Amino acid sequence: MTAAVNPFDASPVPALPPDATPAAIRAALIDEERAEFDQAYRDALAEAARTLDLTRLLDVLRNYHRIAWLTQSQGPEAHRRMLDKATQIMRTGQNPDAVPNEQVEALIRKRLGQ
């Protein structure tokens, strides 16, 4: 005889992957982004407690999970370089490393045989 299966033992809500917990996300971020995550997480947590709605909290976790994953897959130094480049472009409106549109269009025409 086998034991009866209790349908209430298993949760219908999927468990978070190990690298998607708030602590794991925070640990995977670079120092410069950790404080931003802490503040966004605290604000979203307070909002969830007030409104009983987890939407913003889940959005914060999803957003920072992506950032943490990219940081870990590319490496912290590459992530810092990307942030520095984005800051420079936002400050100056220029990307000195950008390929001119005319050059991109010429390459497309060449590849299309035109």
PDB file of N, CA and C in Angstrom:
ATOM      1  N   MET A   1       0.841  -1.173   0.000  1.00  0.00           N
ATOM      2  CA  MET A   1       0.000   0.000   0.000  1.00  0.00           C
ATOM      3  C   MET A   1       0.894   1.247   0.000  1.00  0.00           C
ATOM      4  N   THR A   2       0.563   2.239  -0.816  1.00  0.00           N
ATOM      5  CA  THR A   2       1.362   3.468  -0.890  1.00  0.00           C
ATOM      6  C   THR A   2       0.661   4.561  -0.113  1.00  0.00           C
ATOM      7  N   ALA A   3       1.454   5.522   0.329  1.00  0.00           N
ATOM      8  CA  ALA A   3       0.890   6.645   1.067  1.00  0.00           C
ATOM      9  C   ALA A   3       0.103   7.533   0.124  1.00  0.00           C
ATOM     10  N   ALA A   4      -0.958   8.112   0.638  1.00  0.00           N
ATOM     11  CA  ALA A   4      -1.768   9.020  -0.164  1.00  0.00           C
ATOM     12  C   ALA A   4      -0.986  10.307  -0.409  1.00  0.00           C
ATOM     13  N   VAL A   5      -1.147  10.859  -1.582  1.00  0.00           N
ATOM     14  CA  VAL A   5      -0.481  12.104  -1.933  1.00  0.00           C
ATOM     15  C   VAL A   5      -1.337  13.262  -1.452  1.00  0.00           C
ATOM     16  N   ASN A   6      -0.736  14.154  -0.713  1.00  0.00           N
ATOM     17  CA  ASN A   6      -1.444  15.328  -0.216  1.00  0.00           C
ATOM     18  C   ASN A   6      -1.311  16.436  -1.245  1.00  0.00           C
ATOM     19  N   PRO A   7      -2.422  16.881  -1.840  1.00  0.00           N
ATOM     20  CA  PRO A   7      -2.321  17.925  -2.877  1.00  0.00           C
ATOM     21  C   PRO A   7      -1.864  19.268  -2.330  1.00  0.00           C
ATOM     22  N   PHE A   8      -1.870  19.433  -1.011  1.00  0.00           N
ATOM     23  CA  PHE A   8      -1.465  20.712  -0.428  1.00  0.00           C
ATOM     24  C   PHE A   8       0.024  20.764  -0.082  1.00  0.00           C
ATOM     25  N   ASP A   9       0.728  19.630  -0.288  1.00  0.00           N
ATOM     26  CA  ASP A   9       2.167  19.615  -0.027  1.00  0.00           C
ATOM     27  C   ASP A   9       2.950  20.425  -1.059  1.00  0.00           C
ATOM     28  N   ALA A  10       2.516  20.396  -2.290  1.00  0.00           N
ATOM     29  CA  ALA A  10       3.211  21.108  -3.361  1.00  0.00           C
ATOM     30  C   ALA A  10       2.560  22.468  -3.572  1.00  0.00           C
ATOM     31  N   SER A  11       3.397  23.478  -3.741  1.00  0.00           N
ATOM     32  CA  SER A  11       2.890  24.826  -3.972  1.00  0.00           C
ATOM     33  C   SER A  11       2.617  25.024  -5.462  1.00  0.00           C
ATOM     34  N   PRO A  12       1.497  25.663  -5.794  1.00  0.00           N
ATOM     35  CA  PRO A  12       1.244  25.959  -7.208  1.00  0.00           C
ATOM     36  C   PRO A  12       2.117  27.098  -7.726  1.00  0.00           C
ATOM     37  N   VAL A  13       2.778  27.797  -6.813  1.00  0.00           N
ATOM     38  CA  VAL A  13       3.651  28.903  -7.194  1.00  0.00           C
ATOM     39  C   VAL A  13       5.050  28.347  -7.412  1.00  0.00           C
ATOM     40  N   PRO A  14       5.618  28.561  -8.597  1.00  0.00           N
ATOM     41  CA  PRO A  14       6.964  28.023  -8.837  1.00  0.00           C
ATOM     42  C   PRO A  14       7.988  28.688  -7.918  1.00  0.00           C
ATOM     43  N   ALA A  15       8.949  27.922  -7.501  1.00  0.00           N
ATOM     44  CA  ALA A  15      10.029  28.454  -6.663  1.00  0.00           C
ATOM     45  C   ALA A  15      10.946  29.324  -7.513  1.00  0.00           C
ATOM     46  N   LEU A  16      11.523  30.321  -6.881  1.00  0.00           N
ATOM     47  CA  LEU A  16      12.487  31.164  -7.592  1.00  0.00           C
ATOM     48  C   LEU A  16      13.747  30.349  -7.863  1.00  0.00           C
ATOM     49  N   PRO A  17      14.352  30.523  -9.024  1.00  0.00           N
ATOM     50  CA  PRO A  17      15.649  29.878  -9.252  1.00  0.00           C
ATOM     51  C   PRO A  17      16.625  30.366  -8.184  1.00  0.00           C
ATOM     52  N   PRO A  18      17.611  29.555  -7.827  1.00  0.00           N
ATOM     53  CA  PRO A  18      18.545  29.948  -6.762  1.00  0.00           C
ATOM     54  C   PRO A  18      19.210  31.303  -6.994  1.00  0.00           C
ATOM     55  N   ASP A  19      19.474  31.648  -8.254  1.00  0.00           N
ATOM     56  CA  ASP A  19      20.152  32.917  -8.519  1.00  0.00           C
ATOM     57  C   ASP A  19      19.188  34.097  -8.622  1.00  0.00           C
ATOM     58  N   ALA A  20      17.886  33.876  -8.359  1.00  0.00           N
ATOM     59  CA  ALA A  20      16.906  34.950  -8.484  1.00  0.00           C
ATOM     60  C   ALA A  20      16.363  35.406  -7.139  1.00  0.00           C
ATOM     61  N   THR A  21      16.927  34.933  -6.049  1.00  0.00           N
ATOM     62  CA  THR A  21      16.500  35.421  -4.745  1.00  0.00           C
ATOM     63  C   THR A  21      17.063  36.823  -4.551  1.00  0.00           C
ATOM     64  N   PRO A  22      16.422  37.645  -3.739  1.00  0.00           N
ATOM     65  CA  PRO A  22      16.963  38.993  -3.518  1.00  0.00           C
ATOM     66  C   PRO A  22      18.416  38.986  -3.052  1.00  0.00           C
ATOM     67  N   ALA A  23      18.772  38.065  -2.159  1.00  0.00           N
ATOM     68  CA  ALA A  23      20.159  38.023  -1.667  1.00  0.00           C
ATOM     69  C   ALA A  23      21.128  37.645  -2.778  1.00  0.00           C
ATOM     70  N   ALA A  24      20.747  36.680  -3.619  1.00  0.00           N
ATOM     71  CA  ALA A  24      21.633  36.260  -4.720  1.00  0.00           C
ATOM     72  C   ALA A  24      21.773  37.364  -5.765  1.00  0.00           C
ATOM     73  N   ILE A  25      20.681  38.038  -6.052  1.00  0.00           N
ATOM     74  CA  ILE A  25      20.734  39.148  -7.008  1.00  0.00           C
ATOM     75  C   ILE A  25      21.673  40.228  -6.480  1.00  0.00           C
ATOM     76  N   ARG A  26      21.473  40.601  -5.226  1.00  0.00           N
ATOM     77  CA  ARG A  26      22.298  41.651  -4.622  1.00  0.00           C
ATOM     78  C   ARG A  26      23.776  41.275  -4.652  1.00  0.00           C
ATOM     79  N   ALA A  27      24.080  40.022  -4.343  1.00  0.00           N
ATOM     80  CA  ALA A  27      25.471  39.572  -4.315  1.00  0.00           C
ATOM     81  C   ALA A  27      26.115  39.595  -5.694  1.00  0.00           C
ATOM     82  N   ALA A  28      25.326  39.443  -6.761  1.00  0.00           N
ATOM     83  CA  ALA A  28      25.871  39.392  -8.117  1.00  0.00           C
ATOM     84  C   ALA A  28      26.065  40.774  -8.734  1.00  0.00           C
ATOM     85  N   LEU A  29      25.529  41.809  -8.096  1.00  0.00           N
ATOM     86  CA  LEU A  29      25.654  43.169  -8.635  1.00  0.00           C
ATOM     87  C   LEU A  29      27.014  43.762  -8.284  1.00  0.00           C
ATOM     88  N   ILE A  30      27.440  44.733  -9.101  1.00  0.00           N
ATOM     89  CA  ILE A  30      28.664  45.460  -8.754  1.00  0.00           C
ATOM     90  C   ILE A  30      28.319  46.462  -7.644  1.00  0.00           C
ATOM     91  N   ASP A  31      29.338  46.876  -6.915  1.00  0.00           N
ATOM     92  CA  ASP A  31      29.129  47.767  -5.766  1.00  0.00           C
ATOM     93  C   ASP A  31      28.303  48.989  -6.135  1.00  0.00           C
ATOM     94  N   GLU A  32      28.582  49.561  -7.302  1.00  0.00           N
ATOM     95  CA  GLU A  32      27.925  50.790  -7.724  1.00  0.00           C
ATOM     96  C   GLU A  32      26.415  50.618  -7.891  1.00  0.00           C
ATOM     97  N   GLU A  33      25.945  49.407  -8.146  1.00  0.00           N
ATOM     98  CA  GLU A  33      24.510  49.181  -8.362  1.00  0.00           C
ATOM     99  C   GLU A  33      23.818  48.579  -7.141  1.00  0.00           C
ATOM    100  N   ARG A  34      24.594  48.141  -6.176  1.00  0.00           N
ATOM    101  CA  ARG A  34      24.014  47.498  -5.000  1.00  0.00           C
ATOM    102  C   ARG A  34      23.120  48.449  -4.210  1.00  0.00           C
ATOM    103  N   ALA A  35      23.557  49.674  -4.008  1.00  0.00           N
ATOM    104  CA  ALA A  35      22.760  50.648  -3.249  1.00  0.00           C
ATOM    105  C   ALA A  35      21.456  50.969  -3.975  1.00  0.00           C
ATOM    106  N   GLU A  36      21.515  51.072  -5.300  1.00  0.00           N
ATOM    107  CA  GLU A  36      20.297  51.314  -6.091  1.00  0.00           C
ATOM    108  C   GLU A  36      19.314  50.154  -5.915  1.00  0.00           C
ATOM    109  N   PHE A  37      19.843  48.922  -5.976  1.00  0.00           N
ATOM    110  CA  PHE A  37      18.986  47.751  -5.779  1.00  0.00           C
ATOM    111  C   PHE A  37      18.365  47.772  -4.392  1.00  0.00           C
ATOM    112  N   ASP A  38      19.182  48.038  -3.366  1.00  0.00           N
ATOM    113  CA  ASP A  38      18.672  48.058  -1.991  1.00  0.00           C
ATOM    114  C   ASP A  38      17.508  49.041  -1.865  1.00  0.00           C
ATOM    115  N   GLN A  39      17.688  50.228  -2.420  1.00  0.00           N
ATOM    116  CA  GLN A  39      16.642  51.257  -2.314  1.00  0.00           C
ATOM    117  C   GLN A  39      15.391  50.848  -3.090  1.00  0.00           C
ATOM    118  N   ALA A  40      15.563  50.383  -4.314  1.00  0.00           N
ATOM    119  CA  ALA A  40      14.413  49.965  -5.127  1.00  0.00           C
ATOM    120  C   ALA A  40      13.685  48.802  -4.473  1.00  0.00           C
ATOM    121  N   TYR A  41      14.441  47.861  -3.928  1.00  0.00           N
ATOM    122  CA  TYR A  41      13.839  46.695  -3.269  1.00  0.00           C
ATOM    123  C   TYR A  41      13.061  47.121  -2.030  1.00  0.00           C
ATOM    124  N   ARG A  42      13.672  47.978  -1.191  1.00  0.00           N
ATOM    125  CA  ARG A  42      12.982  48.453   0.019  1.00  0.00           C
ATOM    126  C   ARG A  42      11.707  49.215  -0.336  1.00  0.00           C
ATOM    127  N   ASP A  43      11.799  50.103  -1.341  1.00  0.00           N
ATOM    128  CA  ASP A  43      10.615  50.872  -1.749  1.00  0.00           C
ATOM    129  C   ASP A  43       9.506  49.953  -2.244  1.00  0.00           C
ATOM    130  N   ALA A  44       9.866  48.970  -3.080  1.00  0.00           N
ATOM    131  CA  ALA A  44       8.872  48.050  -3.628  1.00  0.00           C
ATOM    132  C   ALA A  44       8.288  47.164  -2.533  1.00  0.00           C
ATOM    133  N   LEU A  45       9.117  46.768  -1.575  1.00  0.00           N
ATOM    134  CA  LEU A  45       8.651  45.947  -0.462  1.00  0.00           C
ATOM    135  C   LEU A  45       7.658  46.731   0.394  1.00  0.00           C
ATOM    136  N   ALA A  46       7.970  47.989   0.657  1.00  0.00           N
ATOM    137  CA  ALA A  46       7.060  48.838   1.443  1.00  0.00           C
ATOM    138  C   ALA A  46       5.742  49.040   0.700  1.00  0.00           C
ATOM    139  N   GLU A  47       5.836  49.255  -0.620  1.00  0.00           N
ATOM    140  CA  GLU A  47       4.619  49.415  -1.417  1.00  0.00           C
ATOM    141  C   GLU A  47       3.777  48.138  -1.385  1.00  0.00           C
ATOM    142  N   ALA A  48       4.439  46.989  -1.488  1.00  0.00           N
ATOM    143  CA  ALA A  48       3.717  45.710  -1.450  1.00  0.00           C
ATOM    144  C   ALA A  48       3.028  45.516  -0.107  1.00  0.00           C
ATOM    145  N   ALA A  49       3.682  45.909   0.967  1.00  0.00           N
ATOM    146  CA  ALA A  49       3.068  45.785   2.292  1.00  0.00           C
ATOM    147  C   ALA A  49       1.848  46.697   2.412  1.00  0.00           C
ATOM    148  N   ARG A  50       1.940  47.874   1.814  1.00  0.00           N
ATOM    149  CA  ARG A  50       0.836  48.844   1.866  1.00  0.00           C
ATOM    150  C   ARG A  50      -0.336  48.428   0.992  1.00  0.00           C
ATOM    151  N   THR A  51      -0.039  47.977  -0.231  1.00  0.00           N
ATOM    152  CA  THR A  51      -1.081  47.739  -1.229  1.00  0.00           C
ATOM    153  C   THR A  51      -1.488  46.276  -1.366  1.00  0.00           C
ATOM    154  N   LEU A  52      -0.691  45.384  -0.775  1.00  0.00           N
ATOM    155  CA  LEU A  52      -0.899  43.935  -0.936  1.00  0.00           C
ATOM    156  C   LEU A  52      -0.810  43.522  -2.402  1.00  0.00           C
ATOM    157  N   ASP A  53       0.046  44.213  -3.134  1.00  0.00           N
ATOM    158  CA  ASP A  53       0.269  43.931  -4.556  1.00  0.00           C
ATOM    159  C   ASP A  53       1.769  43.752  -4.774  1.00  0.00           C
ATOM    160  N   LEU A  54       2.158  42.601  -5.279  1.00  0.00           N
ATOM    161  CA  LEU A  54       3.577  42.286  -5.466  1.00  0.00           C
ATOM    162  C   LEU A  54       4.129  42.711  -6.826  1.00  0.00           C
ATOM    163  N   THR A  55       3.330  43.339  -7.657  1.00  0.00           N
ATOM    164  CA  THR A  55       3.737  43.651  -9.029  1.00  0.00           C
ATOM    165  C   THR A  55       5.046  44.431  -9.078  1.00  0.00           C
ATOM    166  N   ARG A  56       5.122  45.519  -8.365  1.00  0.00           N
ATOM    167  CA  ARG A  56       6.342  46.347  -8.425  1.00  0.00           C
ATOM    168  C   ARG A  56       7.535  45.594  -7.848  1.00  0.00           C
ATOM    169  N   LEU A  57       7.329  44.859  -6.769  1.00  0.00           N
ATOM    170  CA  LEU A  57       8.419  44.087  -6.176  1.00  0.00           C
ATOM    171  C   LEU A  57       8.952  43.056  -7.164  1.00  0.00           C
ATOM    172  N   LEU A  58       8.059  42.353  -7.842  1.00  0.00           N
ATOM    173  CA  LEU A  58       8.490  41.368  -8.839  1.00  0.00           C
ATOM    174  C   LEU A  58       9.190  42.039 -10.013  1.00  0.00           C
ATOM    175  N   ASP A  59       8.723  43.222 -10.404  1.00  0.00           N
ATOM    176  CA  ASP A  59       9.384  43.971 -11.479  1.00  0.00           C
ATOM    177  C   ASP A  59      10.811  44.346 -11.086  1.00  0.00           C
ATOM    178  N   VAL A  60      10.999  44.792  -9.850  1.00  0.00           N
ATOM    179  CA  VAL A  60      12.336  45.142  -9.362  1.00  0.00           C
ATOM    180  C   VAL A  60      13.235  43.914  -9.395  1.00  0.00           C
ATOM    181  N   LEU A  61      12.732  42.792  -8.906  1.00  0.00           N
ATOM    182  CA  LEU A  61      13.531  41.567  -8.896  1.00  0.00           C
ATOM    183  C   LEU A  61      13.872  41.112 -10.313  1.00  0.00           C
ATOM    184  N   ARG A  62      12.899  41.169 -11.226  1.00  0.00           N
ATOM    185  CA  ARG A  62      13.158  40.771 -12.618  1.00  0.00           C
ATOM    186  C   ARG A  62      14.206  41.674 -13.254  1.00  0.00           C
ATOM    187  N   ASN A  63      14.052  42.967 -13.075  1.00  0.00           N
ATOM    188  CA  ASN A  63      14.973  43.933 -13.670  1.00  0.00           C
ATOM    189  C   ASN A  63      16.396  43.723 -13.148  1.00  0.00           C
ATOM    190  N   TYR A  64      16.548  43.665 -11.845  1.00  0.00           N
ATOM    191  CA  TYR A  64      17.879  43.512 -11.288  1.00  0.00           C
ATOM    192  C   TYR A  64      18.435  42.108 -11.490  1.00  0.00           C
ATOM    193  N   HIS A  65      17.575  41.113 -11.643  1.00  0.00           N
ATOM    194  CA  HIS A  65      18.059  39.766 -11.970  1.00  0.00           C
ATOM    195  C   HIS A  65      18.725  39.791 -13.343  1.00  0.00           C
ATOM    196  N   ARG A  66      18.127  40.494 -14.304  1.00  0.00           N
ATOM    197  CA  ARG A  66      18.733  40.627 -15.640  1.00  0.00           C
ATOM    198  C   ARG A  66      20.093  41.312 -15.541  1.00  0.00           C
ATOM    199  N   ILE A  67      20.141  42.402 -14.774  1.00  0.00           N
ATOM    200  CA  ILE A  67      21.396  43.141 -14.614  1.00  0.00           C
ATOM    201  C   ILE A  67      22.447  42.250 -13.965  1.00  0.00           C
ATOM    202  N   ALA A  68      22.051  41.513 -12.929  1.00  0.00           N
ATOM    203  CA  ALA A  68      22.982  40.618 -12.241  1.00  0.00           C
ATOM    204  C   ALA A  68      23.478  39.525 -13.184  1.00  0.00           C
ATOM    205  N   TRP A  69      22.568  38.965 -13.980  1.00  0.00           N
ATOM    206  CA  TRP A  69      22.954  37.907 -14.917  1.00  0.00           C
ATOM    207  C   TRP A  69      23.942  38.447 -15.946  1.00  0.00           C
ATOM    208  N   LEU A  70      23.638  39.618 -16.509  1.00  0.00           N
ATOM    209  CA  LEU A  70      24.554  40.223 -17.484  1.00  0.00           C
ATOM    210  C   LEU A  70      25.909  40.520 -16.854  1.00  0.00           C
ATOM    211  N   THR A  71      25.897  41.047 -15.652  1.00  0.00           N
ATOM    212  CA  THR A  71      27.147  41.366 -14.956  1.00  0.00           C
ATOM    213  C   THR A  71      27.990  40.122 -14.779  1.00  0.00           C
ATOM    214  N   GLN A  72      27.362  39.037 -14.360  1.00  0.00           N
ATOM    215  CA  GLN A  72      28.107  37.803 -14.124  1.00  0.00           C
ATOM    216  C   GLN A  72      28.553  37.157 -15.439  1.00  0.00           C
ATOM    217  N   SER A  73      27.720  37.232 -16.471  1.00  0.00           N
ATOM    218  CA  SER A  73      28.102  36.576 -17.732  1.00  0.00           C
ATOM    219  C   SER A  73      29.163  37.366 -18.494  1.00  0.00           C
ATOM    220  N   GLN A  74      29.131  38.688 -18.415  1.00  0.00           N
ATOM    221  CA  GLN A  74      30.106  39.522 -19.130  1.00  0.00           C
ATOM    222  C   GLN A  74      31.329  39.828 -18.277  1.00  0.00           C
ATOM    223  N   GLY A  75      31.149  39.762 -16.975  1.00  0.00           N
ATOM    224  CA  GLY A  75      32.215  40.125 -16.044  1.00  0.00           C
ATOM    225  C   GLY A  75      31.999  41.529 -15.520  1.00  0.00           C
ATOM    226  N   PRO A  76      32.351  41.761 -14.260  1.00  0.00           N
ATOM    227  CA  PRO A  76      32.124  43.078 -13.651  1.00  0.00           C
ATOM    228  C   PRO A  76      32.822  44.223 -14.376  1.00  0.00           C
ATOM    229  N   GLU A  77      34.038  44.004 -14.876  1.00  0.00           N
ATOM    230  CA  GLU A  77      34.757  45.100 -15.549  1.00  0.00           C
ATOM    231  C   GLU A  77      34.079  45.488 -16.867  1.00  0.00           C
ATOM    232  N   ALA A  78      33.626  44.511 -17.624  1.00  0.00           N
ATOM    233  CA  ALA A  78      32.906  44.813 -18.872  1.00  0.00           C
ATOM    234  C   ALA A  78      31.609  45.551 -18.560  1.00  0.00           C
ATOM    235  N   HIS A  79      30.963  45.170 -17.479  1.00  0.00           N
ATOM    236  CA  HIS A  79      29.719  45.848 -17.088  1.00  0.00           C
ATOM    237  C   HIS A  79      30.000  47.297 -16.706  1.00  0.00           C
ATOM    238  N   ARG A  80      31.079  47.514 -15.968  1.00  0.00           N
ATOM    239  CA  ARG A  80      31.453  48.893 -15.610  1.00  0.00           C
ATOM    240  C   ARG A  80      31.767  49.721 -16.855  1.00  0.00           C
ATOM    241  N   ARG A  81      32.474  49.121 -17.825  1.00  0.00           N
ATOM    242  CA  ARG A  81      32.785  49.848 -19.072  1.00  0.00           C
ATOM    243  C   ARG A  81      31.498  50.227 -19.801  1.00  0.00           C
ATOM    244  N   MET A  82      30.532  49.314 -19.829  1.00  0.00           N
ATOM    245  CA  MET A  82      29.251  49.613 -20.481  1.00  0.00           C
ATOM    246  C   MET A  82      28.544  50.765 -19.770  1.00  0.00           C
ATOM    247  N   LEU A  83      28.546  50.749 -18.446  1.00  0.00           N
ATOM    248  CA  LEU A  83      27.913  51.838 -17.693  1.00  0.00           C
ATOM    249  C   LEU A  83      28.628  53.163 -17.941  1.00  0.00           C
ATOM    250  N   ASP A  84      29.950  53.132 -17.975  1.00  0.00           N
ATOM    251  CA  ASP A  84      30.713  54.352 -18.255  1.00  0.00           C
ATOM    252  C   ASP A  84      30.394  54.889 -19.648  1.00  0.00           C
ATOM    253  N   LYS A  85      30.315  53.983 -20.621  1.00  0.00           N
ATOM    254  CA  LYS A  85      29.998  54.387 -21.998  1.00  0.00           C
ATOM    255  C   LYS A  85      28.594  55.003 -22.055  1.00  0.00           C
ATOM    256  N   ALA A  86      27.637  54.372 -21.392  1.00  0.00           N
ATOM    257  CA  ALA A  86      26.268  54.906 -21.379  1.00  0.00           C
ATOM    258  C   ALA A  86      26.223  56.286 -20.736  1.00  0.00           C
ATOM    259  N   THR A  87      26.961  56.463 -19.657  1.00  0.00           N
ATOM    260  CA  THR A  87      27.022  57.770 -18.984  1.00  0.00           C
ATOM    261  C   THR A  87      27.612  58.821 -19.913  1.00  0.00           C
ATOM    262  N   GLN A  88      28.684  58.454 -20.612  1.00  0.00           N
ATOM    263  CA  GLN A  88      29.322  59.385 -21.551  1.00  0.00           C
ATOM    264  C   GLN A  88      28.348  59.784 -22.662  1.00  0.00           C
ATOM    265  N   ILE A  89      27.651  58.819 -23.225  1.00  0.00           N
ATOM    266  CA  ILE A  89      26.709  59.109 -24.313  1.00  0.00           C
ATOM    267  C   ILE A  89      25.572  59.985 -23.814  1.00  0.00           C
ATOM    268  N   MET A  90      25.072  59.694 -22.619  1.00  0.00           N
ATOM    269  CA  MET A  90      23.979  60.511 -22.074  1.00  0.00           C
ATOM    270  C   MET A  90      24.454  61.928 -21.770  1.00  0.00           C
ATOM    271  N   ARG A  91      25.684  62.066 -21.310  1.00  0.00           N
ATOM    272  CA  ARG A  91      26.220  63.383 -20.967  1.00  0.00           C
ATOM    273  C   ARG A  91      26.501  64.225 -22.207  1.00  0.00           C
ATOM    274  N   THR A  92      27.099  63.600 -23.233  1.00  0.00           N
ATOM    275  CA  THR A  92      27.546  64.359 -24.401  1.00  0.00           C
ATOM    276  C   THR A  92      26.610  64.258 -25.599  1.00  0.00           C
ATOM    277  N   GLY A  93      25.777  63.214 -25.608  1.00  0.00           N
ATOM    278  CA  GLY A  93      24.929  62.993 -26.777  1.00  0.00           C
ATOM    279  C   GLY A  93      25.706  62.404 -27.944  1.00  0.00           C
ATOM    280  N   GLN A  94      26.946  62.026 -27.708  1.00  0.00           N
ATOM    281  CA  GLN A  94      27.808  61.506 -28.760  1.00  0.00           C
ATOM    282  C   GLN A  94      28.359  60.142 -28.364  1.00  0.00           C
ATOM    283  N   ASN A  95      28.540  59.290 -29.368  1.00  0.00           N
ATOM    284  CA  ASN A  95      29.220  58.007 -29.164  1.00  0.00           C
ATOM    285  C   ASN A  95      30.375  57.967 -30.149  1.00  0.00           C
ATOM    286  N   PRO A  96      31.586  58.279 -29.678  1.00  0.00           N
ATOM    287  CA  PRO A  96      32.726  58.336 -30.596  1.00  0.00           C
ATOM    288  C   PRO A  96      33.062  56.985 -31.226  1.00  0.00           C
ATOM    289  N   ASP A  97      32.579  55.892 -30.657  1.00  0.00           N
ATOM    290  CA  ASP A  97      32.865  54.564 -31.200  1.00  0.00           C
ATOM    291  C   ASP A  97      31.795  54.096 -32.183  1.00  0.00           C
ATOM    292  N   ALA A  98      30.770  54.901 -32.370  1.00  0.00           N
ATOM    293  CA  ALA A  98      29.670  54.490 -33.246  1.00  0.00           C
ATOM    294  C   ALA A  98      30.113  54.472 -34.706  1.00  0.00           C
ATOM    295  N   VAL A  99      29.600  53.521 -35.453  1.00  0.00           N
ATOM    296  CA  VAL A  99      29.854  53.434 -36.889  1.00  0.00           C
ATOM    297  C   VAL A  99      28.853  54.371 -37.573  1.00  0.00           C
ATOM    298  N   PRO A 100      29.313  55.251 -38.457  1.00  0.00           N
ATOM    299  CA  PRO A 100      28.396  56.179 -39.132  1.00  0.00           C
ATOM    300  C   PRO A 100      27.304  55.424 -39.912  1.00  0.00           C
ATOM    301  N   ASN A 101      26.113  56.010 -39.942  1.00  0.00           N
ATOM    302  CA  ASN A 101      24.981  55.391 -40.647  1.00  0.00           C
ATOM    303  C   ASN A 101      25.322  55.063 -42.093  1.00  0.00           C
ATOM    304  N   GLU A 102      26.028  55.968 -42.754  1.00  0.00           N
ATOM    305  CA  GLU A 102      26.362  55.752 -44.161  1.00  0.00           C
ATOM    306  C   GLU A 102      27.194  54.474 -44.331  1.00  0.00           C
ATOM    307  N   GLN A 103      28.101  54.241 -43.404  1.00  0.00           N
ATOM    308  CA  GLN A 103      28.949  53.056 -43.472  1.00  0.00           C
ATOM    309  C   GLN A 103      28.121  51.778 -43.242  1.00  0.00           C
ATOM    310  N   VAL A 104      27.188  51.820 -42.306  1.00  0.00           N
ATOM    311  CA  VAL A 104      26.314  50.670 -42.047  1.00  0.00           C
ATOM    312  C   VAL A 104      25.441  50.397 -43.265  1.00  0.00           C
ATOM    313  N   GLU A 105      24.871  51.459 -43.836  1.00  0.00           N
ATOM    314  CA  GLU A 105      24.011  51.295 -45.018  1.00  0.00           C
ATOM    315  C   GLU A 105      24.802  50.727 -46.192  1.00  0.00           C
ATOM    316  N   ALA A 106      26.038  51.185 -46.375  1.00  0.00           N
ATOM    317  CA  ALA A 106      26.879  50.664 -47.465  1.00  0.00           C
ATOM    318  C   ALA A 106      27.169  49.180 -47.252  1.00  0.00           C
ATOM    319  N   LEU A 107      27.431  48.788 -46.032  1.00  0.00           N
ATOM    320  CA  LEU A 107      27.682  47.380 -45.724  1.00  0.00           C
ATOM    321  C   LEU A 107      26.439  46.538 -46.006  1.00  0.00           C
ATOM    322  N   ILE A 108      25.275  47.042 -45.650  1.00  0.00           N
ATOM    323  CA  ILE A 108      24.022  46.320 -45.929  1.00  0.00           C
ATOM    324  C   ILE A 108      23.821  46.163 -47.429  1.00  0.00           C
ATOM    325  N   ARG A 109      24.024  47.252 -48.169  1.00  0.00           N
ATOM    326  CA  ARG A 109      23.862  47.178 -49.627  1.00  0.00           C
ATOM    327  C   ARG A 109      24.827  46.176 -50.227  1.00  0.00           C
ATOM    328  N   LYS A 110      26.075  46.172 -49.753  1.00  0.00           N
ATOM    329  CA  LYS A 110      27.082  45.245 -50.240  1.00  0.00           C
ATOM    330  C   LYS A 110      26.661  43.809 -49.985  1.00  0.00           C
ATOM    331  N   ARG A 111      26.180  43.534 -48.784  1.00  0.00           N
ATOM    332  CA  ARG A 111      25.768  42.164 -48.438  1.00  0.00           C
ATOM    333  C   ARG A 111      24.524  41.738 -49.208  1.00  0.00           C
ATOM    334  N   LEU A 112      23.707  42.693 -49.566  1.00  0.00           N
ATOM    335  CA  LEU A 112      22.521  42.368 -50.374  1.00  0.00           C
ATOM    336  C   LEU A 112      22.840  42.321 -51.870  1.00  0.00           C
ATOM    337  N   GLY A 113      24.090  42.643 -52.212  1.00  0.00           N
ATOM    338  CA  GLY A 113      24.510  42.617 -53.623  1.00  0.00           C
ATOM    339  C   GLY A 113      23.971  43.793 -54.418  1.00  0.00           C
ATOM    340  N   GLN A 114      23.754  44.894 -53.778  1.00  0.00           N
ATOM    341  CA  GLN A 114      23.205  46.072 -54.468  1.00  0.00           C
ATOM    342  C   GLN A 114      24.269  47.110 -54.744  1.00  0.00           C
TER     343      GLN A 114
END
